[in-house]
N, C-alpha and C. Protein backbone atom coordinates (compact mmCIF):
# COMPACT_ATOMS: atom_id res chain seq x y z
N UNK A 1 89.08 71.87 61.89
CA UNK A 1 87.96 71.59 60.99
C UNK A 1 86.91 71.08 61.04
N UNK A 2 86.22 71.18 61.42
CA UNK A 2 84.42 70.67 61.82
C UNK A 2 83.89 70.36 61.04
N UNK A 3 83.15 69.60 59.81
CA UNK A 3 83.20 69.43 58.69
C UNK A 3 81.57 69.15 59.22
N UNK A 4 81.17 69.14 59.77
CA UNK A 4 79.39 68.12 60.68
C UNK A 4 79.52 69.87 60.25
N UNK A 5 77.66 70.01 60.15
CA UNK A 5 76.18 70.80 59.72
C UNK A 5 76.05 71.86 61.19
N UNK A 6 76.06 73.26 60.72
CA UNK A 6 75.81 73.87 61.57
C UNK A 6 74.53 73.18 62.39
N UNK A 7 74.34 74.22 63.28
CA UNK A 7 72.96 73.81 64.17
C UNK A 7 71.80 74.30 63.60
N UNK A 8 70.75 73.94 64.13
CA UNK A 8 69.65 75.08 63.21
C UNK A 8 69.53 76.34 64.10
N UNK A 9 68.64 77.09 63.02
CA UNK A 9 69.51 78.21 63.57
C UNK A 9 68.39 79.03 64.26
N UNK A 10 69.26 80.11 65.00
CA UNK A 10 68.38 80.15 66.04
C UNK A 10 68.33 81.72 66.44
N UNK A 11 68.48 81.96 65.59
CA UNK A 11 68.08 83.42 65.49
C UNK A 11 67.73 84.04 64.61
N UNK A 12 68.09 85.64 63.61
CA UNK A 12 67.50 86.12 62.23
C UNK A 12 69.12 87.08 62.14
N UNK A 13 69.44 86.94 61.28
CA UNK A 13 70.60 88.04 61.03
C UNK A 13 69.93 88.58 59.97
N UNK A 14 69.89 89.90 59.85
CA UNK A 14 69.18 90.77 58.82
C UNK A 14 70.30 90.63 57.36
N UNK A 15 71.63 90.35 57.31
CA UNK A 15 72.80 90.49 57.02
C UNK A 15 73.00 89.52 55.98
N UNK A 16 72.66 88.85 56.82
CA UNK A 16 72.90 86.67 56.07
C UNK A 16 72.04 86.08 55.91
N UNK A 17 70.68 85.81 55.08
CA UNK A 17 69.22 85.79 55.48
C UNK A 17 69.63 84.20 55.32
N UNK A 18 68.62 83.42 56.01
CA UNK A 18 68.98 81.70 55.88
C UNK A 18 69.33 81.54 57.71
N UNK A 19 70.18 80.20 57.42
CA UNK A 19 70.67 80.06 58.80
C UNK A 19 72.42 80.73 60.10
N UNK A 20 71.35 81.20 61.02
CA UNK A 20 71.82 81.78 61.76
C UNK A 20 72.52 81.04 63.53
N UNK A 21 73.37 81.42 63.57
CA UNK A 21 73.73 80.66 65.23
C UNK A 21 73.92 81.64 65.90
N UNK A 22 73.65 81.56 67.33
CA UNK A 22 73.74 82.44 68.51
C UNK A 22 74.44 81.87 69.03
N UNK A 23 74.99 83.04 70.52
CA UNK A 23 76.34 82.82 71.03
C UNK A 23 77.06 81.71 71.44
N UNK A 24 74.98 81.04 71.99
CA UNK A 24 74.98 80.32 73.31
C UNK A 24 75.26 78.79 72.02
N UNK A 25 75.33 78.90 70.97
CA UNK A 25 75.49 77.99 70.49
C UNK A 25 76.67 78.09 69.72
N UNK A 26 76.99 79.10 69.63
CA UNK A 26 78.79 78.66 69.31
C UNK A 26 79.00 77.91 70.61
N UNK A 27 79.44 78.84 72.20
CA UNK A 27 79.37 78.10 72.96
C UNK A 27 79.49 76.70 72.72
N UNK A 28 78.61 76.36 72.71
CA UNK A 28 77.92 75.12 72.87
C UNK A 28 78.48 74.40 72.07
N UNK A 29 79.40 74.70 70.81
CA UNK A 29 80.59 73.67 69.74
C UNK A 29 81.92 73.87 70.01
N UNK A 30 81.81 74.99 70.93
CA UNK A 30 83.19 75.19 71.03
C UNK A 30 83.41 73.92 72.74
N UNK A 31 82.55 73.51 73.24
CA UNK A 31 82.45 72.83 74.31
C UNK A 31 82.69 71.54 73.49
N UNK A 32 81.86 70.88 72.89
CA UNK A 32 82.01 69.82 71.87
C UNK A 32 82.57 69.64 71.64
N UNK A 33 83.77 70.53 70.36
CA UNK A 33 85.73 69.97 69.92
C UNK A 33 85.79 70.01 71.59
N UNK A 34 86.41 71.18 72.75
CA UNK A 34 86.70 70.74 73.32
C UNK A 34 87.18 69.39 74.23
N UNK A 35 85.89 68.98 73.89
CA UNK A 35 85.01 67.55 74.43
C UNK A 35 86.21 66.35 73.64
N UNK A 36 85.55 66.89 72.27
CA UNK A 36 85.85 65.42 70.96
C UNK A 36 87.65 65.92 71.04
N UNK A 37 88.58 66.35 71.45
CA UNK A 37 90.01 66.88 71.11
C UNK A 37 90.72 67.05 72.31
N UNK A 38 90.36 67.27 73.94
CA UNK A 38 90.43 66.80 74.69
C UNK A 38 90.74 67.98 75.51
N UNK A 39 91.10 68.90 74.87
CA UNK A 39 91.34 70.42 74.91
C UNK A 39 90.27 71.01 75.67
N UNK A 40 91.47 71.98 76.90
CA UNK A 40 91.19 72.26 78.18
C UNK A 40 91.06 73.61 78.10
N UNK A 41 90.63 74.70 78.99
CA UNK A 41 90.54 75.83 78.56
C UNK A 41 91.23 76.96 79.45
N UNK A 42 91.40 77.99 79.71
CA UNK A 42 92.10 78.58 80.40
C UNK A 42 92.38 80.13 80.42
N UNK A 43 93.24 81.19 80.85
CA UNK A 43 93.32 82.08 80.07
C UNK A 43 94.44 82.27 79.55
N UNK A 44 95.43 81.51 79.27
CA UNK A 44 96.31 80.94 78.23
C UNK A 44 95.85 80.51 76.92
N UNK A 45 94.58 80.42 76.52
CA UNK A 45 93.75 79.31 75.49
C UNK A 45 92.84 80.80 74.92
N UNK A 46 93.40 80.97 73.76
CA UNK A 46 91.75 81.04 72.93
C UNK A 46 91.20 79.94 71.90
N UNK A 47 89.67 80.04 71.43
CA UNK A 47 89.19 78.84 70.53
C UNK A 47 88.72 80.04 69.61
N UNK A 48 89.20 80.20 68.21
CA UNK A 48 88.65 80.78 66.92
C UNK A 48 87.60 80.11 66.68
N UNK A 49 86.61 81.01 66.10
CA UNK A 49 85.66 79.92 65.07
C UNK A 49 85.51 80.58 64.35
N UNK A 50 85.60 79.79 63.13
CA UNK A 50 85.43 80.76 61.26
C UNK A 50 84.28 79.91 61.24
N UNK A 51 83.00 80.32 60.48
CA UNK A 51 82.41 80.23 59.55
C UNK A 51 82.36 80.38 58.43
N UNK A 52 81.35 80.38 57.58
CA UNK A 52 81.50 80.31 55.93
C UNK A 52 80.74 81.19 55.46
N UNK A 53 80.57 82.09 54.61
CA UNK A 53 79.73 82.75 54.41
C UNK A 53 78.51 82.17 53.86
N UNK A 54 78.27 83.39 54.06
CA UNK A 54 76.66 83.07 54.43
C UNK A 54 75.77 82.81 55.46
N UNK A 55 76.53 82.07 56.49
CA UNK A 55 76.20 81.93 57.85
C UNK A 55 75.88 83.12 58.96
N UNK A 56 74.71 83.05 59.45
CA UNK A 56 74.79 84.15 60.29
C UNK A 56 75.07 83.43 61.79
N UNK A 57 75.03 85.07 62.70
CA UNK A 57 75.36 84.80 64.13
C UNK A 57 74.93 86.11 64.68
N UNK A 58 74.65 85.97 65.50
CA UNK A 58 73.92 86.76 66.50
C UNK A 58 73.81 86.47 67.81
N UNK A 59 74.26 87.79 68.39
CA UNK A 59 74.20 87.49 69.75
C UNK A 59 73.87 88.42 70.76
N UNK A 60 72.74 88.37 72.03
CA UNK A 60 72.36 88.86 72.46
C UNK A 60 70.86 89.35 71.95
N UNK A 61 70.56 89.01 70.57
CA UNK A 61 70.00 88.84 69.85
C UNK A 61 69.18 89.45 68.62
N UNK A 62 69.37 91.13 68.74
CA UNK A 62 69.51 92.03 67.87
C UNK A 62 70.95 92.53 67.27
N UNK A 63 72.50 91.88 68.06
CA UNK A 63 73.38 92.05 67.76
C UNK A 63 74.15 90.93 66.69
N UNK A 64 74.28 91.58 65.77
CA UNK A 64 74.25 90.74 64.56
C UNK A 64 75.68 90.73 63.59
N UNK A 65 75.86 89.95 63.18
CA UNK A 65 77.07 89.90 62.21
C UNK A 65 77.02 90.65 60.76
N UNK A 66 78.23 91.74 60.89
CA UNK A 66 78.03 92.34 59.78
C UNK A 66 76.84 94.13 59.74
N UNK A 67 76.14 93.91 61.07
CA UNK A 67 75.37 94.70 61.00
C UNK A 67 76.13 95.44 62.57
N UNK A 68 76.07 95.25 62.80
CA UNK A 68 76.36 95.11 65.03
C UNK A 68 78.36 95.00 64.62
N UNK A 69 78.88 93.99 64.00
CA UNK A 69 80.24 93.06 64.63
C UNK A 69 80.93 92.92 63.22
N UNK A 70 82.06 92.32 63.18
CA UNK A 70 82.87 91.65 62.21
C UNK A 70 83.07 91.29 62.91
N UNK A 71 83.55 90.49 64.29
CA UNK A 71 83.85 89.21 64.92
C UNK A 71 83.84 90.27 66.89
N UNK A 72 83.70 89.39 67.52
CA UNK A 72 83.67 89.27 68.62
C UNK A 72 84.01 88.81 69.51
N UNK A 73 84.73 88.81 70.20
CA UNK A 73 85.30 87.67 71.78
C UNK A 73 84.08 88.19 73.44
N UNK A 74 84.80 86.59 73.68
CA UNK A 74 84.03 86.83 74.89
C UNK A 74 84.43 85.73 75.86
N UNK A 75 84.56 84.99 76.55
CA UNK A 75 84.08 83.86 77.38
C UNK A 75 82.32 82.98 78.54
N UNK A 76 83.00 81.86 78.71
CA UNK A 76 82.46 81.40 79.21
C UNK A 76 82.95 80.58 80.17
N UNK A 77 82.08 79.79 81.28
CA UNK A 77 82.86 78.58 82.35
C UNK A 77 82.21 77.59 81.70
N UNK A 78 83.10 76.01 81.48
CA UNK A 78 82.21 75.52 80.81
C UNK A 78 81.79 74.11 81.65
N UNK A 79 81.04 73.15 81.37
CA UNK A 79 80.91 72.38 82.34
C UNK A 79 82.17 71.39 83.45
N UNK A 80 82.97 72.04 82.60
CA UNK A 80 84.27 71.61 83.75
C UNK A 80 85.10 72.41 84.47
N UNK A 81 83.82 73.77 84.88
CA UNK A 81 84.19 74.66 85.31
C UNK A 81 85.62 74.61 85.36
N UNK A 82 86.00 75.61 83.83
CA UNK A 82 86.84 76.25 83.24
C UNK A 82 86.65 77.38 82.68
N UNK A 83 87.54 78.05 82.35
CA UNK A 83 87.32 79.55 81.99
C UNK A 83 87.49 79.64 80.38
N UNK A 84 86.85 79.07 79.51
CA UNK A 84 87.54 78.98 77.58
C UNK A 84 87.17 80.90 77.46
N UNK A 85 87.92 80.91 76.74
CA UNK A 85 88.36 82.32 75.93
C UNK A 85 88.28 82.11 74.41
N UNK A 86 87.30 82.35 73.59
CA UNK A 86 87.14 82.62 72.38
C UNK A 86 86.44 83.74 71.76
N UNK A 87 86.43 83.34 70.14
CA UNK A 87 85.84 84.23 69.60
C UNK A 87 85.29 84.18 68.46
N UNK A 88 84.56 84.46 67.51
CA UNK A 88 83.37 84.68 67.10
C UNK A 88 83.39 85.08 65.62
N UNK A 89 83.33 85.03 64.97
CA UNK A 89 85.38 85.24 63.63
C UNK A 89 83.83 84.38 62.47
N UNK A 90 82.76 85.74 62.03
CA UNK A 90 82.46 85.27 60.71
C UNK A 90 83.05 85.62 59.29
N UNK A 91 82.06 84.62 58.48
CA UNK A 91 83.34 85.27 57.49
C UNK A 91 83.47 86.44 56.68
N UNK A 92 84.53 86.93 56.10
CA UNK A 92 84.92 88.63 56.27
C UNK A 92 84.46 88.77 54.66
N UNK A 93 83.32 89.82 55.41
CA UNK A 93 82.26 90.71 54.77
C UNK A 93 83.36 91.84 54.07
N UNK A 94 83.65 91.93 52.88
CA UNK A 94 84.40 93.05 52.43
C UNK A 94 83.54 94.21 52.49
N UNK A 95 82.10 94.48 52.10
CA UNK A 95 81.64 95.73 52.13
C UNK A 95 81.38 95.95 53.63
N UNK A 96 81.05 95.60 53.80
CA UNK A 96 81.22 96.40 56.33
C UNK A 96 82.76 95.67 56.77
N UNK A 97 83.75 95.12 56.62
CA UNK A 97 84.85 95.04 57.30
C UNK A 97 85.57 94.76 56.61
N UNK A 98 85.76 95.33 55.88
CA UNK A 98 87.14 95.94 55.62
C UNK A 98 86.97 97.66 54.43
N UNK A 99 87.99 98.08 54.57
CA UNK A 99 88.37 99.93 53.88
C UNK A 99 88.26 99.62 52.67
N UNK A 100 87.44 100.70 52.13
CA UNK A 100 87.51 100.22 50.62
C UNK A 100 88.15 100.77 49.81
N UNK A 101 89.16 100.44 49.23
CA UNK A 101 89.69 100.49 48.36
C UNK A 101 91.33 99.35 49.32
N UNK A 102 90.95 98.96 50.24
CA UNK A 102 92.44 98.48 50.21
C UNK A 102 92.77 96.46 49.78
N UNK A 103 94.12 96.75 49.31
CA UNK A 103 94.53 96.06 49.07
C UNK A 103 94.14 94.31 49.23
N UNK A 104 94.58 94.12 47.97
CA UNK A 104 94.21 92.01 48.40
C UNK A 104 95.81 91.14 47.81
N UNK A 105 96.58 91.32 48.44
CA UNK A 105 97.91 90.78 48.38
C UNK A 105 97.87 89.44 47.48
N UNK A 106 96.89 88.47 48.18
CA UNK A 106 96.75 86.94 47.62
C UNK A 106 95.71 86.73 46.62
N UNK A 107 95.29 88.26 45.91
CA UNK A 107 93.75 87.87 45.31
C UNK A 107 92.45 87.53 46.37
N UNK A 108 92.67 87.12 47.32
CA UNK A 108 91.62 86.84 48.16
C UNK A 108 90.85 87.85 49.07
N UNK A 109 90.22 88.94 48.96
CA UNK A 109 90.01 89.97 49.60
C UNK A 109 89.26 89.98 51.21
N UNK A 110 87.64 88.31 51.02
CA UNK A 110 87.18 88.32 51.94
C UNK A 110 88.54 87.24 53.19
N UNK A 111 89.28 86.83 53.04
CA UNK A 111 90.25 86.57 53.98
C UNK A 111 91.05 87.12 54.20
N UNK A 112 91.68 88.76 53.35
CA UNK A 112 92.46 90.11 53.98
C UNK A 112 90.97 90.21 55.54
N UNK A 113 90.09 90.82 54.64
CA UNK A 113 89.35 90.84 56.27
C UNK A 113 88.75 89.79 57.31
N UNK A 114 89.09 88.64 56.51
CA UNK A 114 89.67 87.54 58.89
C UNK A 114 90.47 87.35 58.86
N UNK A 115 91.69 87.30 57.94
CA UNK A 115 92.54 87.53 58.53
C UNK A 115 92.63 89.63 60.01
N UNK A 116 92.57 89.84 59.13
CA UNK A 116 92.62 91.21 60.52
C UNK A 116 91.75 90.89 61.40
N UNK A 117 90.24 90.56 60.95
CA UNK A 117 89.79 90.43 62.66
C UNK A 117 90.22 89.06 63.52
N UNK A 118 91.14 87.94 63.02
CA UNK A 118 91.54 87.51 63.50
C UNK A 118 93.07 88.17 64.93
N UNK A 119 93.74 89.16 64.10
CA UNK A 119 94.87 89.64 64.94
C UNK A 119 93.79 90.95 65.68
N UNK A 120 92.44 91.61 65.22
CA UNK A 120 91.98 92.30 66.00
C UNK A 120 91.14 91.60 67.80
N UNK A 121 90.69 90.60 67.93
CA UNK A 121 89.83 89.94 68.63
C UNK A 121 90.76 89.04 69.48
N UNK A 122 91.69 88.98 69.42
CA UNK A 122 93.18 87.93 70.29
C UNK A 122 93.55 89.28 70.80
N UNK A 123 94.08 90.41 69.64
CA UNK A 123 94.82 91.40 70.60
C UNK A 123 93.78 91.54 71.57
N UNK A 124 92.36 92.06 71.79
CA UNK A 124 91.35 92.78 72.62
C UNK A 124 91.12 91.18 74.13
N UNK A 125 91.59 89.85 73.54
CA UNK A 125 91.38 89.05 74.77
C UNK A 125 92.03 89.31 75.20
N UNK A 126 93.22 89.50 74.66
CA UNK A 126 94.28 89.86 75.93
C UNK A 126 94.58 90.49 76.85
N UNK A 127 93.92 91.17 76.57
CA UNK A 127 94.12 92.75 77.08
C UNK A 127 92.85 92.99 78.22
N UNK A 128 91.86 92.07 77.67
CA UNK A 128 90.37 91.68 78.26
C UNK A 128 89.20 91.18 77.67
N UNK A 129 90.05 90.13 78.80
CA UNK A 129 89.54 88.40 78.35
C UNK A 129 88.39 87.56 79.09
N UNK A 130 88.63 88.59 80.14
CA UNK A 130 86.92 88.43 81.04
C UNK A 130 86.01 89.36 80.75
N UNK A 131 86.27 90.53 79.74
CA UNK A 131 85.76 91.70 79.35
C UNK A 131 85.22 92.31 80.97
N UNK A 132 86.10 93.01 80.86
CA UNK A 132 85.82 93.66 82.59
C UNK A 132 87.66 94.23 82.21
N UNK A 133 88.12 94.53 81.44
CA UNK A 133 89.58 95.47 81.55
C UNK A 133 89.30 96.53 80.93
N UNK A 134 90.34 96.48 79.73
CA UNK A 134 91.55 97.44 78.72
C UNK A 134 90.37 98.38 78.48
N UNK A 135 89.77 99.28 78.47
CA UNK A 135 88.94 100.25 77.62
C UNK A 135 89.01 101.85 77.90
N UNK A 136 89.56 102.75 76.62
CA UNK A 136 89.64 104.06 77.01
C UNK A 136 88.46 104.98 77.24
N UNK A 137 87.97 106.30 76.99
CA UNK A 137 87.38 106.81 77.57
C UNK A 137 86.36 107.33 76.45
N UNK A 138 86.59 106.10 75.19
CA UNK A 138 85.80 105.58 74.38
C UNK A 138 84.56 104.66 74.56
N UNK A 139 85.13 103.95 75.46
CA UNK A 139 84.84 102.27 75.81
C UNK A 139 85.04 102.05 74.49
N UNK A 140 86.31 102.10 73.95
CA UNK A 140 87.14 101.15 73.07
C UNK A 140 87.84 100.21 73.36
N UNK A 141 87.85 98.79 72.26
CA UNK A 141 88.67 98.52 73.45
C UNK A 141 90.18 98.20 72.56
N UNK A 142 91.77 97.68 73.33
CA UNK A 142 92.40 97.99 72.27
C UNK A 142 92.86 97.80 70.85
N UNK A 143 92.26 96.67 70.18
CA UNK A 143 91.86 96.32 68.67
C UNK A 143 91.44 97.59 68.41
N UNK A 144 89.94 98.13 68.51
CA UNK A 144 89.73 99.05 68.11
C UNK A 144 90.36 100.13 67.63
N UNK A 145 91.67 101.06 68.18
CA UNK A 145 92.35 101.40 68.39
C UNK A 145 92.93 102.04 66.97
N UNK A 146 92.90 101.04 65.68
CA UNK A 146 93.44 100.90 64.97
C UNK A 146 93.41 100.23 63.56
N UNK A 147 91.94 100.28 64.60
CA UNK A 147 91.12 99.18 63.40
C UNK A 147 90.84 99.81 61.61
N UNK A 148 90.65 99.07 60.70
CA UNK A 148 90.52 99.72 59.56
C UNK A 148 92.39 101.03 59.29
N UNK A 149 93.33 100.23 59.68
CA UNK A 149 94.10 101.51 59.86
C UNK A 149 95.45 100.00 59.45
N UNK A 150 96.45 100.30 58.44
CA UNK A 150 96.99 99.35 57.51
C UNK A 150 98.54 99.34 58.14
N UNK A 151 98.62 100.75 58.02
CA UNK A 151 100.42 100.96 57.69
C UNK A 151 101.28 100.81 56.05
N UNK A 152 102.38 100.70 56.51
CA UNK A 152 103.00 100.81 54.97
C UNK A 152 103.47 99.11 54.40
N UNK A 153 102.70 99.38 53.14
CA UNK A 153 103.30 97.31 52.95
C UNK A 153 104.80 97.89 52.36
N UNK A 154 105.03 96.48 53.04
CA UNK A 154 106.66 96.28 52.62
C UNK A 154 106.71 94.93 52.05
N UNK A 155 105.83 93.85 52.33
CA UNK A 155 106.14 92.78 52.19
C UNK A 155 105.48 92.76 49.87
N UNK A 156 106.08 91.45 49.19
CA UNK A 156 105.57 90.93 47.93
C UNK A 156 104.83 92.65 46.82
N UNK A 157 105.77 92.79 46.79
CA UNK A 157 106.74 94.11 46.11
C UNK A 157 105.84 95.45 46.34
N UNK A 158 106.08 95.19 47.83
CA UNK A 158 104.72 96.45 48.04
C UNK A 158 103.51 96.06 48.33
N UNK A 159 103.09 95.04 47.83
CA UNK A 159 101.36 95.23 48.05
C UNK A 159 101.16 94.36 49.32
N UNK A 160 101.63 93.85 50.14
CA UNK A 160 101.25 93.57 51.78
C UNK A 160 101.62 94.41 52.84
N UNK A 161 101.35 93.99 53.54
CA UNK A 161 102.14 93.87 55.02
C UNK A 161 102.43 93.05 55.91
N UNK A 162 102.16 92.15 55.35
CA UNK A 162 102.15 90.73 56.29
C UNK A 162 103.08 89.87 55.94
N UNK A 163 104.00 89.10 56.30
CA UNK A 163 104.15 88.04 55.38
C UNK A 163 103.47 86.92 56.25
N UNK A 164 103.25 85.70 56.31
CA UNK A 164 102.82 85.02 57.34
C UNK A 164 103.01 83.28 56.56
N UNK A 165 103.97 82.33 57.15
CA UNK A 165 104.30 81.13 56.17
C UNK A 165 104.76 81.26 54.84
N UNK A 166 104.77 82.35 54.14
CA UNK A 166 105.42 82.92 53.12
C UNK A 166 103.93 83.10 52.70
N UNK A 167 102.91 83.36 52.78
CA UNK A 167 101.60 83.98 52.10
C UNK A 167 101.25 85.21 53.04
N UNK A 168 100.95 86.40 52.21
CA UNK A 168 100.75 87.84 51.70
C UNK A 168 99.58 88.20 52.48
N UNK A 169 99.40 89.22 53.49
CA UNK A 169 97.86 89.43 53.75
C UNK A 169 98.16 91.28 54.53
N UNK A 170 97.10 91.91 53.93
CA UNK A 170 96.96 92.46 54.30
C UNK A 170 95.96 93.18 55.71
N UNK A 171 96.83 93.42 56.76
CA UNK A 171 96.14 93.14 58.24
C UNK A 171 96.27 94.14 59.13
N UNK A 172 94.98 94.86 59.72
CA UNK A 172 95.34 95.90 60.39
C UNK A 172 95.92 95.86 61.64
N UNK A 173 97.09 97.73 61.99
CA UNK A 173 97.95 97.08 63.12
C UNK A 173 97.39 97.42 64.37
N UNK A 174 98.16 97.02 65.54
CA UNK A 174 97.42 96.27 66.64
C UNK A 174 98.03 97.60 66.95
N UNK A 175 97.52 98.31 68.45
CA UNK A 175 97.98 99.50 69.13
C UNK A 175 98.97 99.07 70.05
N UNK A 176 100.11 99.71 70.24
CA UNK A 176 100.97 99.58 71.52
C UNK A 176 100.75 100.53 72.34
N UNK A 177 100.39 100.20 73.86
CA UNK A 177 100.37 101.15 75.16
C UNK A 177 102.07 102.03 74.79
N UNK A 178 102.75 101.36 75.30
CA UNK A 178 104.10 102.29 75.87
C UNK A 178 104.45 102.66 73.81
N UNK A 179 104.15 102.72 72.96
CA UNK A 179 104.16 103.76 71.91
C UNK A 179 103.16 104.85 72.17
N UNK A 180 101.47 104.61 72.68
CA UNK A 180 100.69 105.44 72.93
C UNK A 180 100.42 105.64 71.05
N UNK A 181 100.43 104.48 70.00
CA UNK A 181 100.08 104.89 69.24
C UNK A 181 99.70 103.55 68.48
N UNK A 182 99.49 102.98 66.59
CA UNK A 182 99.73 101.86 66.55
C UNK A 182 100.37 101.46 65.49
N UNK A 183 100.88 100.37 65.63
CA UNK A 183 102.09 99.79 64.93
C UNK A 183 102.11 98.63 64.31
N UNK A 184 102.47 99.05 63.25
CA UNK A 184 102.55 97.47 62.84
C UNK A 184 104.25 96.23 62.62
N UNK A 185 103.70 94.81 62.92
CA UNK A 185 104.63 94.09 63.68
C UNK A 185 105.36 93.63 62.45
N UNK A 186 106.58 93.27 62.23
CA UNK A 186 107.21 93.26 60.85
C UNK A 186 108.48 94.14 60.44
N UNK A 187 108.57 93.99 59.32
CA UNK A 187 109.99 94.58 58.94
C UNK A 187 110.15 96.18 59.35
């Protein structure tokens, strides 16, 4: 957890007026923390960056949080010539990043929305770490194929579809190439 102030606004996100971080600023922060912690990059590692409520973000100018994406993954080569796989995980905006009527077993719908994209983006990064691999005919990545599909609630008196470390969540299913469909890992 990094509690230092966000960098000065570098973009204009219409969904979250105020401060806005660019993809370049996000990459700079990831490299700063990697250096501080002695972490290394590589195709077997991924850095997920979660931002607070009201913090905007944009990549490529007009592609911004909640109007173009709920989260995204990418990569860059850091100053040590290492490939760094990462995702931008904006605060879970339930108005646009959660299917209407989705239950919140933990009483925190924003956490459920954030949990879904926190499974969605790593699944995509595993199959497409350098943004040049797995797409279907409609140019959807693997995580997109099951977005907003939650499956059966089998946890917490049928109010949740996942339990992680004793906590209950409602998380999207993920696509399984072997079964040619969306699956829910768990019981």
